[in-house]
Amino acid sequence: MIDGLRPFLFYTAAVLAVVVTMLGLSFFLGQRIKRQYKDTPFESGIISVGSAQFRISVHFYLTAILFIIFDLEVVFLFAWAVAVEQAGWPGFIEISVFIFILIVALFYLWRIGALDWRTETQKRELNTISGPGGVVNRKEFKL
């Protein structure tokens, strides 16, 4: 029974040795300079201001979820592309139906406004916005 565990024990010992070596080297070779802002949290080189707990509109989450859903569908397209020769015409018809359903779903989401990031205030003010040359952005020109 021990003979079957020998590779696993060797792997575990090797991983622990690598981890301990990396932590030990970084501790002994790392810099120990204490500066004024060293322990201050920052993001992208900018010192944080305010609380990290603020409300975000559900539209951003909805867009993220829709992206993930449609991104996962691409995995099925890759799998089909790998097996396109073996799938033949029946596979082509099936993937065509699949893509058609995705396009219908995307069109439906677009029509109900799920892909519109504008807030309610921005939607109300959309009619009053005029661009250079007096071009007015009106809803009746929306597709």
N, C-alpha and C. Protein backbone atom coordinates (compact mmCIF):
# COMPACT_ATOMS: atom_id res chain seq x y z
N MET A 1 0.82 -1.20 0.00
CA MET A 1 0.00 0.00 0.00
C MET A 1 0.87 1.26 0.00
N ILE A 2 1.96 1.24 0.74
CA ILE A 2 2.88 2.37 0.77
C ILE A 2 3.50 2.60 -0.59
N ASP A 3 3.72 1.53 -1.36
CA ASP A 3 4.33 1.67 -2.68
C ASP A 3 3.45 2.50 -3.60
N GLY A 4 2.13 2.41 -3.46
CA GLY A 4 1.22 3.19 -4.29
C GLY A 4 1.20 4.66 -3.91
N LEU A 5 1.52 4.97 -2.64
CA LEU A 5 1.52 6.35 -2.16
C LEU A 5 2.86 7.04 -2.33
N ARG A 6 3.90 6.28 -2.68
CA ARG A 6 5.24 6.85 -2.78
C ARG A 6 5.32 8.03 -3.76
N PRO A 7 4.74 7.97 -4.99
CA PRO A 7 4.80 9.13 -5.89
C PRO A 7 4.05 10.35 -5.32
N PHE A 8 2.93 10.08 -4.67
CA PHE A 8 2.17 11.19 -4.08
C PHE A 8 2.96 11.85 -2.95
N LEU A 9 3.58 11.05 -2.09
CA LEU A 9 4.38 11.60 -1.00
C LEU A 9 5.59 12.36 -1.54
N PHE A 10 6.22 11.84 -2.59
CA PHE A 10 7.34 12.54 -3.20
C PHE A 10 6.89 13.89 -3.78
N TYR A 11 5.74 13.88 -4.46
CA TYR A 11 5.21 15.13 -5.05
C TYR A 11 4.90 16.13 -3.94
N THR A 12 4.26 15.68 -2.87
CA THR A 12 3.93 16.58 -1.75
C THR A 12 5.19 17.17 -1.13
N ALA A 13 6.20 16.34 -0.94
CA ALA A 13 7.47 16.83 -0.38
C ALA A 13 8.13 17.83 -1.31
N ALA A 14 8.09 17.57 -2.61
CA ALA A 14 8.70 18.50 -3.57
C ALA A 14 7.97 19.83 -3.57
N VAL A 15 6.64 19.81 -3.51
CA VAL A 15 5.87 21.05 -3.50
C VAL A 15 6.18 21.84 -2.23
N LEU A 16 6.18 21.18 -1.08
CA LEU A 16 6.50 21.86 0.17
C LEU A 16 7.91 22.44 0.15
N ALA A 17 8.85 21.71 -0.42
CA ALA A 17 10.23 22.20 -0.50
C ALA A 17 10.30 23.47 -1.37
N VAL A 18 9.60 23.47 -2.49
CA VAL A 18 9.59 24.65 -3.36
C VAL A 18 8.97 25.84 -2.65
N VAL A 19 7.85 25.61 -1.96
CA VAL A 19 7.16 26.70 -1.26
C VAL A 19 8.04 27.26 -0.15
N VAL A 20 8.61 26.39 0.67
CA VAL A 20 9.46 26.85 1.76
C VAL A 20 10.69 27.58 1.22
N THR A 21 11.29 27.08 0.14
CA THR A 21 12.44 27.74 -0.46
C THR A 21 12.08 29.13 -0.97
N MET A 22 10.96 29.26 -1.66
CA MET A 22 10.55 30.57 -2.20
C MET A 22 10.25 31.56 -1.08
N LEU A 23 9.53 31.12 -0.05
CA LEU A 23 9.23 32.02 1.06
C LEU A 23 10.49 32.40 1.83
N GLY A 24 11.38 31.43 2.03
CA GLY A 24 12.63 31.71 2.75
C GLY A 24 13.52 32.68 1.99
N LEU A 25 13.67 32.46 0.68
CA LEU A 25 14.50 33.36 -0.12
C LEU A 25 13.92 34.78 -0.16
N SER A 26 12.61 34.89 -0.30
CA SER A 26 12.02 36.22 -0.33
C SER A 26 12.15 36.92 1.02
N PHE A 27 12.11 36.15 2.12
CA PHE A 27 12.26 36.76 3.44
C PHE A 27 13.69 37.25 3.65
N PHE A 28 14.67 36.44 3.28
CA PHE A 28 16.07 36.82 3.52
C PHE A 28 16.61 37.79 2.48
N LEU A 29 16.17 37.71 1.24
CA LEU A 29 16.71 38.56 0.20
C LEU A 29 15.87 39.81 -0.06
N GLY A 30 14.67 39.87 0.49
CA GLY A 30 13.77 41.00 0.23
C GLY A 30 14.24 42.28 0.91
N GLN A 31 13.77 43.41 0.38
CA GLN A 31 14.13 44.71 0.94
C GLN A 31 13.35 44.97 2.21
N ARG A 32 13.97 45.69 3.13
CA ARG A 32 13.31 46.03 4.38
C ARG A 32 13.28 47.54 4.56
N ILE A 33 12.86 48.23 3.53
CA ILE A 33 12.79 49.68 3.59
C ILE A 33 11.40 50.07 4.09
N LYS A 34 11.35 50.86 5.13
CA LYS A 34 10.07 51.31 5.69
C LYS A 34 9.84 52.74 5.23
N ARG A 35 8.86 52.94 4.38
CA ARG A 35 8.53 54.28 3.89
C ARG A 35 7.17 54.69 4.39
N GLN A 36 6.86 55.96 4.21
CA GLN A 36 5.63 56.53 4.75
C GLN A 36 4.38 55.85 4.20
N TYR A 37 4.32 55.61 2.91
CA TYR A 37 3.11 55.10 2.28
C TYR A 37 3.20 53.61 1.92
N LYS A 38 4.13 52.90 2.52
CA LYS A 38 4.33 51.50 2.16
C LYS A 38 3.12 50.64 2.48
N ASP A 39 2.49 50.84 3.59
CA ASP A 39 1.36 50.01 4.00
C ASP A 39 0.01 50.65 3.65
N THR A 40 0.01 51.71 2.87
CA THR A 40 -1.23 52.35 2.47
C THR A 40 -1.80 51.63 1.25
N PRO A 41 -3.10 51.27 1.30
CA PRO A 41 -3.69 50.59 0.14
C PRO A 41 -3.83 51.55 -1.04
N PHE A 42 -3.54 51.05 -2.22
CA PHE A 42 -3.71 51.85 -3.43
C PHE A 42 -4.10 50.94 -4.57
N GLU A 43 -4.62 51.56 -5.62
CA GLU A 43 -4.98 50.80 -6.80
C GLU A 43 -4.49 51.55 -8.02
N SER A 44 -3.73 50.89 -8.82
CA SER A 44 -3.17 51.47 -10.05
C SER A 44 -2.34 52.72 -9.76
N GLY A 45 -1.67 52.74 -8.63
CA GLY A 45 -0.81 53.86 -8.30
C GLY A 45 -1.54 55.05 -7.75
N ILE A 46 -2.84 54.94 -7.51
CA ILE A 46 -3.63 56.05 -6.98
C ILE A 46 -4.04 55.71 -5.56
N ILE A 47 -3.80 56.64 -4.64
CA ILE A 47 -4.18 56.42 -3.25
C ILE A 47 -5.70 56.42 -3.15
N SER A 48 -6.24 55.44 -2.44
CA SER A 48 -7.69 55.30 -2.32
C SER A 48 -8.30 56.45 -1.53
N VAL A 49 -9.48 56.87 -1.98
CA VAL A 49 -10.23 57.92 -1.29
C VAL A 49 -11.65 57.42 -1.11
N GLY A 50 -12.18 57.52 0.08
CA GLY A 50 -13.56 57.12 0.32
C GLY A 50 -13.66 55.64 0.65
N SER A 51 -14.90 55.21 0.77
CA SER A 51 -15.19 53.83 1.15
C SER A 51 -15.19 52.93 -0.08
N ALA A 52 -14.84 51.68 0.12
CA ALA A 52 -14.88 50.71 -0.97
C ALA A 52 -16.26 50.12 -1.12
N GLN A 53 -17.16 50.42 -0.20
CA GLN A 53 -18.50 49.88 -0.24
C GLN A 53 -19.45 50.93 -0.80
N PHE A 54 -19.76 50.83 -2.07
CA PHE A 54 -20.68 51.74 -2.71
C PHE A 54 -21.61 50.93 -3.61
N ARG A 55 -22.73 51.51 -3.92
CA ARG A 55 -23.73 50.81 -4.71
C ARG A 55 -23.43 50.93 -6.19
N ILE A 56 -23.56 49.81 -6.88
CA ILE A 56 -23.38 49.78 -8.32
C ILE A 56 -24.70 49.36 -8.94
N SER A 57 -25.04 49.98 -10.03
CA SER A 57 -26.29 49.68 -10.71
C SER A 57 -26.33 48.22 -11.15
N VAL A 58 -27.52 47.65 -11.09
CA VAL A 58 -27.69 46.25 -11.47
C VAL A 58 -27.41 46.04 -12.96
N HIS A 59 -27.46 47.10 -13.75
CA HIS A 59 -27.20 46.98 -15.19
C HIS A 59 -25.77 46.50 -15.46
N PHE A 60 -24.83 46.90 -14.62
CA PHE A 60 -23.46 46.45 -14.81
C PHE A 60 -23.35 44.95 -14.54
N TYR A 61 -24.04 44.49 -13.50
CA TYR A 61 -24.04 43.05 -13.21
C TYR A 61 -24.75 42.28 -14.31
N LEU A 62 -25.85 42.82 -14.81
CA LEU A 62 -26.59 42.15 -15.87
C LEU A 62 -25.73 42.01 -17.12
N THR A 63 -25.01 43.06 -17.46
CA THR A 63 -24.13 43.01 -18.62
C THR A 63 -23.02 41.98 -18.40
N ALA A 64 -22.49 41.92 -17.20
CA ALA A 64 -21.43 40.93 -16.91
C ALA A 64 -21.98 39.51 -17.02
N ILE A 65 -23.17 39.27 -16.50
CA ILE A 65 -23.76 37.94 -16.57
C ILE A 65 -24.03 37.56 -18.03
N LEU A 66 -24.56 38.50 -18.81
CA LEU A 66 -24.82 38.21 -20.22
C LEU A 66 -23.52 37.91 -20.96
N PHE A 67 -22.46 38.65 -20.63
CA PHE A 67 -21.17 38.38 -21.26
C PHE A 67 -20.70 36.97 -20.94
N ILE A 68 -20.83 36.58 -19.68
CA ILE A 68 -20.39 35.24 -19.28
C ILE A 68 -21.21 34.17 -20.00
N ILE A 69 -22.52 34.39 -20.09
CA ILE A 69 -23.38 33.40 -20.75
C ILE A 69 -22.98 33.24 -22.21
N PHE A 70 -22.85 34.35 -22.93
CA PHE A 70 -22.52 34.27 -24.35
C PHE A 70 -21.07 33.83 -24.55
N ASP A 71 -20.21 34.12 -23.59
CA ASP A 71 -18.83 33.66 -23.69
C ASP A 71 -18.76 32.14 -23.53
N LEU A 72 -19.57 31.59 -22.66
CA LEU A 72 -19.59 30.13 -22.51
C LEU A 72 -20.14 29.44 -23.75
N GLU A 73 -21.01 30.10 -24.45
CA GLU A 73 -21.55 29.50 -25.67
C GLU A 73 -20.45 29.35 -26.73
N VAL A 74 -19.46 30.22 -26.69
CA VAL A 74 -18.36 30.13 -27.64
C VAL A 74 -17.57 28.84 -27.42
N VAL A 75 -17.55 28.34 -26.20
CA VAL A 75 -16.86 27.07 -25.92
C VAL A 75 -17.48 25.95 -26.76
N PHE A 76 -18.81 25.96 -26.88
CA PHE A 76 -19.48 24.95 -27.70
C PHE A 76 -19.10 25.12 -29.18
N LEU A 77 -18.92 26.36 -29.61
CA LEU A 77 -18.52 26.59 -31.00
C LEU A 77 -17.11 26.06 -31.24
N PHE A 78 -16.20 26.24 -30.27
CA PHE A 78 -14.85 25.70 -30.42
C PHE A 78 -14.87 24.18 -30.49
N ALA A 79 -15.69 23.57 -29.64
CA ALA A 79 -15.79 22.11 -29.66
C ALA A 79 -16.32 21.63 -31.01
N TRP A 80 -17.28 22.34 -31.55
CA TRP A 80 -17.82 21.96 -32.87
C TRP A 80 -16.75 22.15 -33.94
N ALA A 81 -15.99 23.24 -33.85
CA ALA A 81 -14.97 23.51 -34.86
C ALA A 81 -13.89 22.44 -34.86
N VAL A 82 -13.58 21.89 -33.71
CA VAL A 82 -12.58 20.83 -33.64
C VAL A 82 -13.09 19.56 -34.30
N ALA A 83 -14.39 19.28 -34.16
CA ALA A 83 -14.96 18.04 -34.67
C ALA A 83 -15.80 18.27 -35.92
N VAL A 84 -15.51 19.31 -36.68
CA VAL A 84 -16.35 19.65 -37.82
C VAL A 84 -16.34 18.56 -38.90
N GLU A 85 -15.21 17.93 -39.11
CA GLU A 85 -15.14 16.89 -40.15
C GLU A 85 -15.94 15.65 -39.76
N GLN A 86 -15.86 15.28 -38.47
CA GLN A 86 -16.60 14.11 -38.02
C GLN A 86 -18.11 14.39 -37.91
N ALA A 87 -18.47 15.64 -37.65
CA ALA A 87 -19.89 15.98 -37.47
C ALA A 87 -20.63 15.98 -38.80
N GLY A 88 -19.96 16.39 -39.86
CA GLY A 88 -20.57 16.40 -41.19
C GLY A 88 -21.73 17.38 -41.30
N TRP A 89 -22.63 17.10 -42.25
CA TRP A 89 -23.78 17.99 -42.47
C TRP A 89 -24.75 18.02 -41.30
N PRO A 90 -25.02 16.90 -40.64
CA PRO A 90 -25.91 16.98 -39.47
C PRO A 90 -25.35 17.90 -38.38
N GLY A 91 -24.05 17.84 -38.17
CA GLY A 91 -23.42 18.73 -37.20
C GLY A 91 -23.50 20.18 -37.62
N PHE A 92 -23.36 20.43 -38.94
CA PHE A 92 -23.47 21.79 -39.44
C PHE A 92 -24.88 22.34 -39.22
N ILE A 93 -25.88 21.52 -39.46
CA ILE A 93 -27.27 21.96 -39.26
C ILE A 93 -27.52 22.22 -37.77
N GLU A 94 -27.01 21.35 -36.92
CA GLU A 94 -27.20 21.55 -35.48
C GLU A 94 -26.53 22.82 -34.99
N ILE A 95 -25.31 23.10 -35.44
CA ILE A 95 -24.62 24.32 -35.00
C ILE A 95 -25.28 25.55 -35.60
N SER A 96 -25.86 25.42 -36.79
CA SER A 96 -26.59 26.54 -37.39
C SER A 96 -27.82 26.88 -36.56
N VAL A 97 -28.54 25.86 -36.10
CA VAL A 97 -29.70 26.10 -35.23
C VAL A 97 -29.24 26.73 -33.92
N PHE A 98 -28.14 26.23 -33.38
CA PHE A 98 -27.59 26.78 -32.13
C PHE A 98 -27.24 28.25 -32.29
N ILE A 99 -26.55 28.61 -33.36
CA ILE A 99 -26.18 30.01 -33.60
C ILE A 99 -27.43 30.86 -33.84
N PHE A 100 -28.41 30.31 -34.53
CA PHE A 100 -29.66 31.04 -34.76
C PHE A 100 -30.34 31.35 -33.43
N ILE A 101 -30.38 30.39 -32.51
CA ILE A 101 -30.99 30.62 -31.20
C ILE A 101 -30.21 31.69 -30.44
N LEU A 102 -28.88 31.67 -30.53
CA LEU A 102 -28.07 32.71 -29.88
C LEU A 102 -28.36 34.08 -30.46
N ILE A 103 -28.49 34.17 -31.77
CA ILE A 103 -28.77 35.46 -32.40
C ILE A 103 -30.15 35.96 -32.01
N VAL A 104 -31.13 35.07 -31.96
CA VAL A 104 -32.48 35.46 -31.53
C VAL A 104 -32.45 35.94 -30.08
N ALA A 105 -31.71 35.24 -29.21
CA ALA A 105 -31.61 35.66 -27.81
C ALA A 105 -30.92 37.01 -27.69
N LEU A 106 -29.87 37.23 -28.46
CA LEU A 106 -29.19 38.52 -28.42
C LEU A 106 -30.08 39.64 -28.94
N PHE A 107 -30.81 39.38 -30.00
CA PHE A 107 -31.75 40.38 -30.53
C PHE A 107 -32.83 40.70 -29.49
N TYR A 108 -33.34 39.66 -28.81
CA TYR A 108 -34.36 39.87 -27.78
C TYR A 108 -33.81 40.72 -26.64
N LEU A 109 -32.59 40.42 -26.18
CA LEU A 109 -31.98 41.21 -25.11
C LEU A 109 -31.75 42.66 -25.54
N TRP A 110 -31.40 42.84 -26.78
CA TRP A 110 -31.19 44.20 -27.29
C TRP A 110 -32.51 44.97 -27.33
N ARG A 111 -33.58 44.31 -27.79
CA ARG A 111 -34.88 44.96 -27.91
C ARG A 111 -35.50 45.33 -26.56
N ILE A 112 -35.28 44.51 -25.52
CA ILE A 112 -35.86 44.83 -24.22
C ILE A 112 -34.99 45.82 -23.44
N GLY A 113 -33.84 46.17 -23.99
CA GLY A 113 -32.98 47.18 -23.36
C GLY A 113 -32.01 46.62 -22.34
N ALA A 114 -31.78 45.33 -22.32
CA ALA A 114 -30.86 44.73 -21.35
C ALA A 114 -29.42 45.13 -21.62
N LEU A 115 -29.12 45.55 -22.84
CA LEU A 115 -27.75 45.92 -23.19
C LEU A 115 -27.52 47.43 -23.11
N ASP A 116 -28.52 48.18 -22.67
CA ASP A 116 -28.43 49.64 -22.57
C ASP A 116 -27.90 50.00 -21.19
N TRP A 117 -26.76 50.66 -21.13
CA TRP A 117 -26.13 51.01 -19.87
C TRP A 117 -26.60 52.35 -19.33
N ARG A 118 -27.42 53.04 -20.05
CA ARG A 118 -27.84 54.37 -19.59
C ARG A 118 -28.69 54.27 -18.33
N THR A 119 -28.48 55.21 -17.43
CA THR A 119 -29.32 55.28 -16.24
C THR A 119 -30.65 55.91 -16.63
N GLU A 120 -31.61 55.89 -15.71
CA GLU A 120 -32.92 56.48 -16.00
C GLU A 120 -32.79 57.97 -16.28
N THR A 121 -31.92 58.66 -15.55
CA THR A 121 -31.70 60.09 -15.79
C THR A 121 -31.12 60.31 -17.18
N GLN A 122 -30.17 59.49 -17.58
CA GLN A 122 -29.58 59.64 -18.91
C GLN A 122 -30.61 59.36 -19.99
N LYS A 123 -31.50 58.40 -19.77
CA LYS A 123 -32.55 58.11 -20.75
C LYS A 123 -33.51 59.28 -20.89
N ARG A 124 -33.85 59.93 -19.75
CA ARG A 124 -34.74 61.09 -19.81
C ARG A 124 -34.08 62.26 -20.52
N GLU A 125 -32.79 62.46 -20.29
CA GLU A 125 -32.08 63.60 -20.87
C GLU A 125 -31.63 63.34 -22.30
N LEU A 126 -31.85 62.14 -22.82
CA LEU A 126 -31.38 61.79 -24.15
C LEU A 126 -32.00 62.67 -25.22
N ASN A 127 -33.25 63.06 -25.04
CA ASN A 127 -33.93 63.87 -26.05
C ASN A 127 -33.41 65.30 -26.10
N THR A 128 -32.83 65.78 -25.01
CA THR A 128 -32.38 67.18 -24.98
C THR A 128 -30.94 67.33 -25.42
N ILE A 129 -30.23 66.25 -25.61
CA ILE A 129 -28.81 66.33 -25.98
C ILE A 129 -28.71 66.71 -27.45
N SER A 130 -27.91 67.73 -27.72
CA SER A 130 -27.66 68.10 -29.11
C SER A 130 -26.15 68.14 -29.32
N GLY A 131 -25.76 67.64 -30.46
CA GLY A 131 -24.34 67.56 -30.77
C GLY A 131 -23.87 68.75 -31.58
N PRO A 132 -22.65 68.67 -32.12
CA PRO A 132 -22.12 69.75 -32.94
C PRO A 132 -22.99 69.97 -34.17
N GLY A 133 -23.22 71.20 -34.50
CA GLY A 133 -24.03 71.53 -35.67
C GLY A 133 -25.52 71.43 -35.40
N GLY A 134 -25.91 71.27 -34.15
CA GLY A 134 -27.32 71.21 -33.81
C GLY A 134 -27.96 69.86 -34.03
N VAL A 135 -27.17 68.81 -34.20
CA VAL A 135 -27.72 67.48 -34.39
C VAL A 135 -28.37 67.04 -33.08
N VAL A 136 -29.63 66.65 -33.15
CA VAL A 136 -30.38 66.28 -31.95
C VAL A 136 -30.51 64.76 -31.90
N ASN A 137 -30.35 64.22 -30.73
CA ASN A 137 -30.44 62.78 -30.52
C ASN A 137 -31.85 62.46 -30.03
N ARG A 138 -32.76 62.09 -30.92
CA ARG A 138 -34.14 61.81 -30.57
C ARG A 138 -34.44 60.33 -30.65
N LYS A 139 -35.46 59.91 -29.87
CA LYS A 139 -35.82 58.50 -29.85
C LYS A 139 -36.45 58.04 -31.14
N GLU A 140 -37.14 58.91 -31.86
CA GLU A 140 -37.83 58.44 -33.06
C GLU A 140 -36.85 58.00 -34.15
N PHE A 141 -35.58 58.35 -34.01
CA PHE A 141 -34.59 57.91 -34.97
C PHE A 141 -33.92 56.60 -34.56
N LYS A 142 -34.33 56.06 -33.40
CA LYS A 142 -33.75 54.81 -32.90
C LYS A 142 -34.24 53.65 -33.75
N LEU A 143 -33.36 52.69 -34.02
CA LEU A 143 -33.71 51.52 -34.80
C LEU A 143 -34.60 50.60 -34.04
